[in-house]
Amino acid sequence: MTRSLTTLTDLVVAVRQAIDVRTGWTDTAELVADQLRAHLPGPEILTPDQRLGQPDRVADHLLHAEPAGTFSILGLVWRPGQTTRIHDHITWCVVGVLSGVEHEELYDEALNPIRTRDNPPGEVSGFAPPGDIHRIRNVGDETAISLHIYGTDITRVGSSARRFYN
């Protein structure tokens, strides 16, 4: 078994333990973020082909969907210049940057910008609705890769986004 697969297995077990605490979304996001910090893999969690990304969109790769539907883990690949639309989420979300830098813009409910931050490799953040309106961009010259853990089985619901604002 490769280091990446072992790391993914360890991460899945750790996320299960965090969710088993059975607390609210905000606290769950914090608990899962703590586990992701402790088990953050490198970009090799994705295959070389997956790490190439897609020329026309942010590429997402499902790495794990919990059979009970309680969470899923995706690897996202952002080529330079790729961005999301401004959006919020249907559930809690935790993000860890594996390579590159992701630029994040946060908004209030009236879509007023409230903060920006650059998330370098190793940065982990978690959030839950409400108060999770944001946009992510790769403003750098290299491909960025991040791991996203959502509080649902993304294959069952199709998207982590609840609404798009632009």
N, C-alpha and C. Protein backbone atom coordinates (compact mmCIF):
# COMPACT_ATOMS: atom_id res chain seq x y z
N MET A 1 0.86 -1.19 0.00
CA MET A 1 0.00 0.00 0.00
C MET A 1 0.89 1.24 0.00
N THR A 2 0.59 2.22 -0.82
CA THR A 2 1.40 3.43 -0.88
C THR A 2 1.11 4.33 0.30
N ARG A 3 2.02 5.26 0.52
CA ARG A 3 1.85 6.22 1.61
C ARG A 3 0.54 7.00 1.46
N SER A 4 0.20 7.40 0.23
CA SER A 4 -1.03 8.16 0.00
C SER A 4 -2.26 7.36 0.40
N LEU A 5 -2.29 6.08 0.04
CA LEU A 5 -3.45 5.26 0.38
C LEU A 5 -3.54 5.07 1.89
N THR A 6 -2.40 4.85 2.54
CA THR A 6 -2.40 4.74 3.99
C THR A 6 -2.89 6.03 4.61
N THR A 7 -2.43 7.16 4.10
CA THR A 7 -2.84 8.45 4.62
C THR A 7 -4.34 8.65 4.43
N LEU A 8 -4.87 8.27 3.28
CA LEU A 8 -6.30 8.40 3.04
C LEU A 8 -7.08 7.51 4.01
N THR A 9 -6.61 6.29 4.21
CA THR A 9 -7.28 5.39 5.16
C THR A 9 -7.26 5.97 6.56
N ASP A 10 -6.11 6.48 6.97
CA ASP A 10 -6.01 7.10 8.30
C ASP A 10 -6.92 8.31 8.41
N LEU A 11 -6.98 9.11 7.36
CA LEU A 11 -7.84 10.29 7.36
C LEU A 11 -9.31 9.90 7.46
N VAL A 12 -9.73 8.89 6.71
CA VAL A 12 -11.12 8.44 6.75
C VAL A 12 -11.49 8.00 8.17
N VAL A 13 -10.63 7.23 8.81
CA VAL A 13 -10.89 6.78 10.19
C VAL A 13 -10.99 7.99 11.12
N ALA A 14 -10.09 8.95 10.97
CA ALA A 14 -10.09 10.13 11.83
C ALA A 14 -11.35 10.98 11.63
N VAL A 15 -11.79 11.13 10.39
CA VAL A 15 -13.01 11.91 10.11
C VAL A 15 -14.21 11.19 10.72
N ARG A 16 -14.27 9.89 10.59
CA ARG A 16 -15.36 9.13 11.23
C ARG A 16 -15.41 9.41 12.73
N GLN A 17 -14.25 9.40 13.37
CA GLN A 17 -14.20 9.64 14.82
C GLN A 17 -14.69 11.05 15.15
N ALA A 18 -14.31 12.03 14.35
CA ALA A 18 -14.75 13.41 14.59
C ALA A 18 -16.26 13.53 14.43
N ILE A 19 -16.81 12.90 13.41
CA ILE A 19 -18.25 12.97 13.17
C ILE A 19 -19.02 12.22 14.26
N ASP A 20 -18.43 11.16 14.77
CA ASP A 20 -19.09 10.36 15.81
C ASP A 20 -19.30 11.13 17.12
N VAL A 21 -18.66 12.27 17.27
CA VAL A 21 -18.88 13.11 18.45
C VAL A 21 -20.32 13.61 18.48
N ARG A 22 -20.95 13.71 17.30
CA ARG A 22 -22.36 14.11 17.16
C ARG A 22 -22.63 15.49 17.76
N THR A 23 -22.00 16.47 17.20
CA THR A 23 -22.20 17.85 17.62
C THR A 23 -22.76 18.65 16.45
N GLY A 24 -22.90 19.95 16.59
CA GLY A 24 -23.42 20.80 15.52
C GLY A 24 -22.43 20.95 14.38
N TRP A 25 -22.91 21.53 13.28
CA TRP A 25 -22.09 21.65 12.07
C TRP A 25 -20.81 22.45 12.29
N THR A 26 -20.89 23.58 12.99
CA THR A 26 -19.70 24.40 13.18
C THR A 26 -18.65 23.65 13.98
N ASP A 27 -19.07 23.01 15.07
CA ASP A 27 -18.12 22.24 15.88
C ASP A 27 -17.61 21.03 15.11
N THR A 28 -18.45 20.39 14.32
CA THR A 28 -18.00 19.25 13.52
C THR A 28 -16.95 19.70 12.52
N ALA A 29 -17.17 20.84 11.87
CA ALA A 29 -16.18 21.36 10.92
C ALA A 29 -14.84 21.60 11.62
N GLU A 30 -14.87 22.12 12.84
CA GLU A 30 -13.63 22.34 13.59
C GLU A 30 -12.95 21.03 13.94
N LEU A 31 -13.73 20.03 14.37
CA LEU A 31 -13.17 18.73 14.72
C LEU A 31 -12.56 18.04 13.49
N VAL A 32 -13.26 18.11 12.36
CA VAL A 32 -12.75 17.51 11.13
C VAL A 32 -11.50 18.27 10.66
N ALA A 33 -11.50 19.59 10.78
CA ALA A 33 -10.32 20.38 10.40
C ALA A 33 -9.11 19.96 11.24
N ASP A 34 -9.31 19.75 12.52
CA ASP A 34 -8.21 19.28 13.38
C ASP A 34 -7.66 17.95 12.88
N GLN A 35 -8.56 17.05 12.47
CA GLN A 35 -8.12 15.75 11.97
C GLN A 35 -7.41 15.87 10.62
N LEU A 36 -7.89 16.79 9.77
CA LEU A 36 -7.22 16.98 8.49
C LEU A 36 -5.82 17.55 8.71
N ARG A 37 -5.68 18.48 9.65
CA ARG A 37 -4.34 19.01 9.96
C ARG A 37 -3.40 17.89 10.39
N ALA A 38 -3.91 16.96 11.18
CA ALA A 38 -3.09 15.86 11.69
C ALA A 38 -2.80 14.80 10.63
N HIS A 39 -3.61 14.72 9.59
CA HIS A 39 -3.47 13.68 8.58
C HIS A 39 -3.38 14.24 7.16
N LEU A 40 -2.93 15.47 7.02
CA LEU A 40 -2.89 16.11 5.70
C LEU A 40 -1.89 15.41 4.79
N PRO A 41 -2.36 14.84 3.69
CA PRO A 41 -1.43 14.16 2.77
C PRO A 41 -0.76 15.17 1.85
N GLY A 42 0.13 14.69 1.03
CA GLY A 42 0.72 15.50 -0.02
C GLY A 42 -0.09 15.37 -1.28
N PRO A 43 0.29 16.11 -2.33
CA PRO A 43 -0.46 16.05 -3.58
C PRO A 43 -0.43 14.67 -4.23
N GLU A 44 0.48 13.81 -3.80
CA GLU A 44 0.55 12.46 -4.37
C GLU A 44 -0.65 11.60 -3.98
N ILE A 45 -1.57 12.16 -3.17
CA ILE A 45 -2.84 11.47 -2.90
C ILE A 45 -3.61 11.28 -4.20
N LEU A 46 -3.31 12.15 -5.18
CA LEU A 46 -3.88 12.04 -6.52
C LEU A 46 -2.85 11.41 -7.45
N THR A 47 -3.34 10.72 -8.46
CA THR A 47 -2.43 10.13 -9.45
C THR A 47 -1.79 11.26 -10.27
N PRO A 48 -0.67 10.97 -10.93
CA PRO A 48 -0.06 11.99 -11.80
C PRO A 48 -1.05 12.55 -12.84
N ASP A 49 -1.86 11.69 -13.43
CA ASP A 49 -2.85 12.17 -14.40
C ASP A 49 -3.89 13.08 -13.76
N GLN A 50 -4.36 12.74 -12.56
CA GLN A 50 -5.33 13.58 -11.86
C GLN A 50 -4.73 14.94 -11.53
N ARG A 51 -3.46 14.98 -11.17
CA ARG A 51 -2.80 16.24 -10.79
C ARG A 51 -2.64 17.21 -11.96
N LEU A 52 -2.88 16.75 -13.19
CA LEU A 52 -2.80 17.63 -14.35
C LEU A 52 -3.97 18.61 -14.41
N GLY A 53 -5.11 18.22 -13.86
CA GLY A 53 -6.28 19.08 -13.91
C GLY A 53 -6.95 19.05 -15.28
N GLN A 54 -7.89 19.97 -15.46
CA GLN A 54 -8.64 20.10 -16.71
C GLN A 54 -8.45 21.52 -17.24
N PRO A 55 -8.33 21.68 -18.55
CA PRO A 55 -8.08 23.02 -19.09
C PRO A 55 -9.26 23.97 -18.94
N ASP A 56 -10.49 23.46 -18.86
CA ASP A 56 -11.66 24.33 -18.91
C ASP A 56 -12.42 24.45 -17.60
N ARG A 57 -11.97 23.77 -16.54
CA ARG A 57 -12.69 23.84 -15.27
C ARG A 57 -11.83 23.28 -14.15
N VAL A 58 -12.20 23.60 -12.93
CA VAL A 58 -11.55 22.99 -11.77
C VAL A 58 -11.90 21.51 -11.80
N ALA A 59 -10.90 20.66 -11.70
CA ALA A 59 -11.13 19.20 -11.75
C ALA A 59 -11.36 18.69 -10.33
N ASP A 60 -12.37 17.85 -10.17
CA ASP A 60 -12.61 17.24 -8.86
C ASP A 60 -12.55 15.73 -8.99
N HIS A 61 -11.93 15.12 -7.99
CA HIS A 61 -11.72 13.67 -7.98
C HIS A 61 -12.21 13.12 -6.65
N LEU A 62 -13.23 12.29 -6.72
CA LEU A 62 -13.75 11.67 -5.51
C LEU A 62 -12.74 10.65 -4.99
N LEU A 63 -12.31 10.84 -3.74
CA LEU A 63 -11.37 9.91 -3.13
C LEU A 63 -12.05 8.96 -2.16
N HIS A 64 -13.15 9.43 -1.55
CA HIS A 64 -13.90 8.58 -0.62
C HIS A 64 -15.31 9.14 -0.44
N ALA A 65 -16.27 8.25 -0.45
CA ALA A 65 -17.65 8.59 -0.08
C ALA A 65 -18.05 7.60 1.00
N GLU A 66 -18.37 8.12 2.16
CA GLU A 66 -18.74 7.25 3.28
C GLU A 66 -20.05 6.53 2.96
N PRO A 67 -20.09 5.21 3.10
CA PRO A 67 -21.31 4.45 2.76
C PRO A 67 -22.57 4.96 3.48
N ALA A 68 -22.42 5.45 4.70
CA ALA A 68 -23.58 5.96 5.43
C ALA A 68 -24.02 7.35 4.95
N GLY A 69 -23.26 7.95 4.04
CA GLY A 69 -23.62 9.25 3.49
C GLY A 69 -23.22 10.43 4.35
N THR A 70 -22.40 10.22 5.39
CA THR A 70 -22.08 11.28 6.34
C THR A 70 -20.97 12.22 5.89
N PHE A 71 -20.12 11.78 4.96
CA PHE A 71 -19.09 12.69 4.44
C PHE A 71 -18.50 12.12 3.17
N SER A 72 -17.79 12.99 2.46
CA SER A 72 -17.03 12.58 1.29
C SER A 72 -15.75 13.41 1.22
N ILE A 73 -14.75 12.86 0.58
CA ILE A 73 -13.45 13.51 0.44
C ILE A 73 -13.14 13.62 -1.04
N LEU A 74 -12.83 14.82 -1.47
CA LEU A 74 -12.50 15.07 -2.88
C LEU A 74 -11.17 15.77 -2.98
N GLY A 75 -10.43 15.46 -4.03
CA GLY A 75 -9.24 16.21 -4.39
C GLY A 75 -9.61 17.15 -5.52
N LEU A 76 -9.30 18.44 -5.35
CA LEU A 76 -9.60 19.43 -6.40
C LEU A 76 -8.29 19.96 -6.96
N VAL A 77 -8.27 20.11 -8.28
CA VAL A 77 -7.08 20.58 -8.99
C VAL A 77 -7.44 21.86 -9.72
N TRP A 78 -6.69 22.91 -9.40
CA TRP A 78 -6.94 24.26 -9.92
C TRP A 78 -5.75 24.69 -10.79
N ARG A 79 -5.95 24.75 -12.07
CA ARG A 79 -4.90 25.30 -12.93
C ARG A 79 -4.87 26.82 -12.74
N PRO A 80 -3.75 27.45 -13.10
CA PRO A 80 -3.67 28.90 -12.96
C PRO A 80 -4.85 29.60 -13.64
N GLY A 81 -5.45 30.54 -12.91
CA GLY A 81 -6.57 31.32 -13.43
C GLY A 81 -7.93 30.71 -13.18
N GLN A 82 -8.01 29.46 -12.78
CA GLN A 82 -9.32 28.85 -12.56
C GLN A 82 -9.94 29.34 -11.26
N THR A 83 -11.27 29.45 -11.27
CA THR A 83 -11.99 30.03 -10.15
C THR A 83 -13.36 29.36 -10.00
N THR A 84 -13.92 29.51 -8.82
CA THR A 84 -15.31 29.12 -8.62
C THR A 84 -16.17 30.37 -8.75
N ARG A 85 -17.45 30.16 -8.89
CA ARG A 85 -18.39 31.27 -8.76
C ARG A 85 -18.57 31.54 -7.26
N ILE A 86 -19.08 32.69 -6.92
CA ILE A 86 -19.41 32.96 -5.52
C ILE A 86 -20.53 32.01 -5.14
N HIS A 87 -20.37 31.31 -4.02
CA HIS A 87 -21.33 30.28 -3.64
C HIS A 87 -21.32 30.05 -2.13
N ASP A 88 -22.33 29.34 -1.66
CA ASP A 88 -22.34 28.84 -0.29
C ASP A 88 -22.56 27.33 -0.36
N HIS A 89 -22.67 26.69 0.79
CA HIS A 89 -22.67 25.23 0.82
C HIS A 89 -23.92 24.66 1.49
N ILE A 90 -24.20 23.40 1.15
CA ILE A 90 -25.36 22.71 1.72
C ILE A 90 -25.05 22.11 3.09
N THR A 91 -23.79 22.07 3.46
CA THR A 91 -23.36 21.45 4.72
C THR A 91 -22.00 22.00 5.11
N TRP A 92 -21.46 21.50 6.21
CA TRP A 92 -20.12 21.93 6.61
C TRP A 92 -19.09 21.46 5.59
N CYS A 93 -17.96 22.15 5.57
CA CYS A 93 -16.89 21.85 4.62
C CYS A 93 -15.55 22.14 5.28
N VAL A 94 -14.57 21.31 5.00
CA VAL A 94 -13.20 21.51 5.47
C VAL A 94 -12.29 21.41 4.26
N VAL A 95 -11.34 22.34 4.15
CA VAL A 95 -10.44 22.39 3.00
C VAL A 95 -9.00 22.43 3.51
N GLY A 96 -8.15 21.61 2.90
CA GLY A 96 -6.72 21.65 3.16
C GLY A 96 -5.97 21.79 1.86
N VAL A 97 -5.05 22.75 1.80
CA VAL A 97 -4.28 23.00 0.58
C VAL A 97 -3.05 22.09 0.58
N LEU A 98 -2.89 21.34 -0.51
CA LEU A 98 -1.78 20.40 -0.64
C LEU A 98 -0.61 20.97 -1.43
N SER A 99 -0.90 21.78 -2.43
CA SER A 99 0.15 22.43 -3.21
C SER A 99 -0.42 23.68 -3.86
N GLY A 100 0.48 24.60 -4.22
CA GLY A 100 0.04 25.87 -4.79
C GLY A 100 -0.57 26.75 -3.73
N VAL A 101 -1.19 27.83 -4.16
CA VAL A 101 -1.85 28.77 -3.25
C VAL A 101 -3.25 29.03 -3.77
N GLU A 102 -4.22 28.92 -2.88
CA GLU A 102 -5.60 29.23 -3.24
C GLU A 102 -5.98 30.56 -2.60
N HIS A 103 -6.46 31.46 -3.43
CA HIS A 103 -6.90 32.78 -2.98
C HIS A 103 -8.40 32.69 -2.70
N GLU A 104 -8.81 33.05 -1.49
CA GLU A 104 -10.22 32.93 -1.10
C GLU A 104 -10.78 34.31 -0.76
N GLU A 105 -11.96 34.57 -1.29
CA GLU A 105 -12.69 35.81 -1.02
C GLU A 105 -13.95 35.44 -0.25
N LEU A 106 -14.15 36.05 0.92
CA LEU A 106 -15.31 35.77 1.76
C LEU A 106 -16.28 36.94 1.70
N TYR A 107 -17.60 36.63 1.74
CA TYR A 107 -18.65 37.63 1.59
C TYR A 107 -19.68 37.49 2.70
N ASP A 108 -20.36 38.61 2.99
CA ASP A 108 -21.50 38.54 3.91
C ASP A 108 -22.76 38.22 3.10
N GLU A 109 -23.92 38.16 3.79
CA GLU A 109 -25.17 37.77 3.11
C GLU A 109 -25.60 38.75 2.03
N ALA A 110 -25.14 40.01 2.11
CA ALA A 110 -25.46 41.01 1.09
C ALA A 110 -24.42 41.01 -0.04
N LEU A 111 -23.52 40.03 -0.01
CA LEU A 111 -22.43 39.87 -0.97
C LEU A 111 -21.40 40.99 -0.93
N ASN A 112 -21.27 41.63 0.23
CA ASN A 112 -20.20 42.58 0.45
C ASN A 112 -18.93 41.80 0.79
N PRO A 113 -17.81 42.12 0.15
CA PRO A 113 -16.57 41.44 0.51
C PRO A 113 -16.21 41.75 1.97
N ILE A 114 -15.88 40.73 2.73
CA ILE A 114 -15.52 40.95 4.14
C ILE A 114 -14.07 40.58 4.44
N ARG A 115 -13.48 39.72 3.60
CA ARG A 115 -12.10 39.33 3.87
C ARG A 115 -11.56 38.54 2.68
N THR A 116 -10.27 38.65 2.47
CA THR A 116 -9.58 37.79 1.51
C THR A 116 -8.41 37.15 2.23
N ARG A 117 -8.03 36.00 1.74
CA ARG A 117 -6.86 35.34 2.31
C ARG A 117 -6.24 34.43 1.27
N ASP A 118 -4.93 34.31 1.34
CA ASP A 118 -4.20 33.38 0.50
C ASP A 118 -3.88 32.17 1.35
N ASN A 119 -4.29 31.00 0.88
CA ASN A 119 -4.11 29.76 1.61
C ASN A 119 -2.98 28.96 0.97
N PRO A 120 -1.80 28.91 1.63
CA PRO A 120 -0.66 28.18 1.10
C PRO A 120 -0.73 26.69 1.45
N PRO A 121 0.18 25.89 0.94
CA PRO A 121 0.21 24.47 1.30
C PRO A 121 0.27 24.30 2.83
N GLY A 122 -0.53 23.37 3.32
CA GLY A 122 -0.60 23.11 4.76
C GLY A 122 -1.72 23.85 5.46
N GLU A 123 -2.29 24.87 4.81
CA GLU A 123 -3.39 25.62 5.41
C GLU A 123 -4.66 24.79 5.40
N VAL A 124 -5.34 24.74 6.54
CA VAL A 124 -6.60 24.00 6.66
C VAL A 124 -7.63 24.95 7.26
N SER A 125 -8.83 24.97 6.68
CA SER A 125 -9.90 25.78 7.23
C SER A 125 -11.21 25.00 7.16
N GLY A 126 -12.10 25.29 8.08
CA GLY A 126 -13.40 24.65 8.10
C GLY A 126 -14.47 25.68 8.35
N PHE A 127 -15.65 25.45 7.82
CA PHE A 127 -16.76 26.37 8.01
C PHE A 127 -18.07 25.63 7.82
N ALA A 128 -19.14 26.29 8.22
CA ALA A 128 -20.48 25.72 8.09
C ALA A 128 -21.47 26.84 7.83
N PRO A 129 -22.55 26.52 7.12
CA PRO A 129 -23.59 27.53 6.91
C PRO A 129 -24.26 27.90 8.23
N PRO A 130 -24.77 29.10 8.36
CA PRO A 130 -24.60 30.23 7.44
C PRO A 130 -23.21 30.86 7.63
N GLY A 131 -22.90 31.83 6.82
CA GLY A 131 -21.61 32.50 6.94
C GLY A 131 -20.52 31.82 6.13
N ASP A 132 -20.90 31.11 5.10
CA ASP A 132 -19.92 30.38 4.31
C ASP A 132 -19.91 30.80 2.84
N ILE A 133 -20.26 32.03 2.56
CA ILE A 133 -20.30 32.52 1.18
C ILE A 133 -18.89 32.90 0.78
N HIS A 134 -18.40 32.29 -0.30
CA HIS A 134 -17.02 32.56 -0.72
C HIS A 134 -16.80 32.21 -2.19
N ARG A 135 -15.61 32.59 -2.64
CA ARG A 135 -15.13 32.23 -3.98
C ARG A 135 -13.65 31.87 -3.82
N ILE A 136 -13.22 30.85 -4.54
CA ILE A 136 -11.81 30.44 -4.51
C ILE A 136 -11.24 30.61 -5.91
N ARG A 137 -10.00 31.11 -5.94
CA ARG A 137 -9.30 31.31 -7.22
C ARG A 137 -7.87 30.84 -7.11
N ASN A 138 -7.35 30.38 -8.22
CA ASN A 138 -5.92 30.14 -8.30
C ASN A 138 -5.33 31.34 -9.03
N VAL A 139 -4.74 32.24 -8.28
CA VAL A 139 -4.16 33.45 -8.87
C VAL A 139 -2.67 33.29 -9.11
N GLY A 140 -2.12 32.11 -8.81
CA GLY A 140 -0.70 31.86 -8.98
C GLY A 140 -0.35 31.35 -10.36
N ASP A 141 0.93 31.04 -10.53
CA ASP A 141 1.46 30.55 -11.80
C ASP A 141 1.55 29.03 -11.87
N GLU A 142 1.27 28.36 -10.76
CA GLU A 142 1.35 26.90 -10.74
C GLU A 142 0.00 26.30 -10.36
N THR A 143 -0.16 25.04 -10.68
CA THR A 143 -1.38 24.34 -10.34
C THR A 143 -1.50 24.23 -8.82
N ALA A 144 -2.70 24.42 -8.32
CA ALA A 144 -2.98 24.26 -6.89
C ALA A 144 -3.83 23.00 -6.70
N ILE A 145 -3.57 22.30 -5.62
CA ILE A 145 -4.33 21.09 -5.30
C ILE A 145 -4.81 21.19 -3.87
N SER A 146 -6.08 20.89 -3.66
CA SER A 146 -6.63 20.93 -2.30
C SER A 146 -7.51 19.71 -2.05
N LEU A 147 -7.64 19.39 -0.78
CA LEU A 147 -8.50 18.30 -0.34
C LEU A 147 -9.72 18.93 0.30
N HIS A 148 -10.92 18.50 -0.10
CA HIS A 148 -12.18 19.03 0.43
C HIS A 148 -12.94 17.90 1.07
N ILE A 149 -13.37 18.12 2.31
CA ILE A 149 -14.19 17.14 3.02
C ILE A 149 -15.54 17.80 3.26
N TYR A 150 -16.60 17.19 2.74
CA TYR A 150 -17.95 17.72 2.86
C TYR A 150 -18.78 16.83 3.77
N GLY A 151 -19.69 17.41 4.53
CA GLY A 151 -20.53 16.68 5.46
C GLY A 151 -21.70 15.99 4.82
N THR A 152 -21.49 15.41 3.65
CA THR A 152 -22.49 14.62 2.95
C THR A 152 -21.77 13.79 1.89
N ASP A 153 -22.44 12.81 1.36
CA ASP A 153 -21.92 12.05 0.24
C ASP A 153 -22.22 12.85 -1.02
N ILE A 154 -21.21 13.48 -1.56
CA ILE A 154 -21.36 14.37 -2.71
C ILE A 154 -21.89 13.62 -3.93
N THR A 155 -21.66 12.31 -4.01
CA THR A 155 -22.18 11.55 -5.15
C THR A 155 -23.70 11.44 -5.10
N ARG A 156 -24.28 11.56 -3.92
CA ARG A 156 -25.74 11.47 -3.78
C ARG A 156 -26.44 12.79 -4.06
N VAL A 157 -25.76 13.91 -3.77
CA VAL A 157 -26.40 15.21 -3.91
C VAL A 157 -25.92 15.99 -5.14
N GLY A 158 -24.80 15.57 -5.73
CA GLY A 158 -24.34 16.16 -6.98
C GLY A 158 -23.43 17.36 -6.86
N SER A 159 -23.58 18.16 -5.81
CA SER A 159 -22.74 19.34 -5.64
C SER A 159 -22.74 19.75 -4.18
N SER A 160 -21.66 20.36 -3.76
CA SER A 160 -21.59 20.88 -2.39
C SER A 160 -22.22 22.28 -2.30
N ALA A 161 -22.43 22.91 -3.45
CA ALA A 161 -22.96 24.28 -3.46
C ALA A 161 -24.47 24.27 -3.25
N ARG A 162 -24.91 25.16 -2.39
CA ARG A 162 -26.35 25.36 -2.20
C ARG A 162 -26.86 26.39 -3.20
N ARG A 163 -26.15 27.53 -3.28
CA ARG A 163 -26.55 28.60 -4.21
C ARG A 163 -25.30 29.16 -4.87
N PHE A 164 -25.47 29.65 -6.08
CA PHE A 164 -24.45 30.42 -6.77
C PHE A 164 -24.97 31.85 -6.84
N TYR A 165 -24.07 32.81 -6.63
CA TYR A 165 -24.48 34.21 -6.55
C TYR A 165 -24.03 35.03 -7.74
N ASN A 166 -23.36 34.46 -8.69
CA ASN A 166 -22.94 35.21 -9.88
C ASN A 166 -22.94 34.33 -11.08
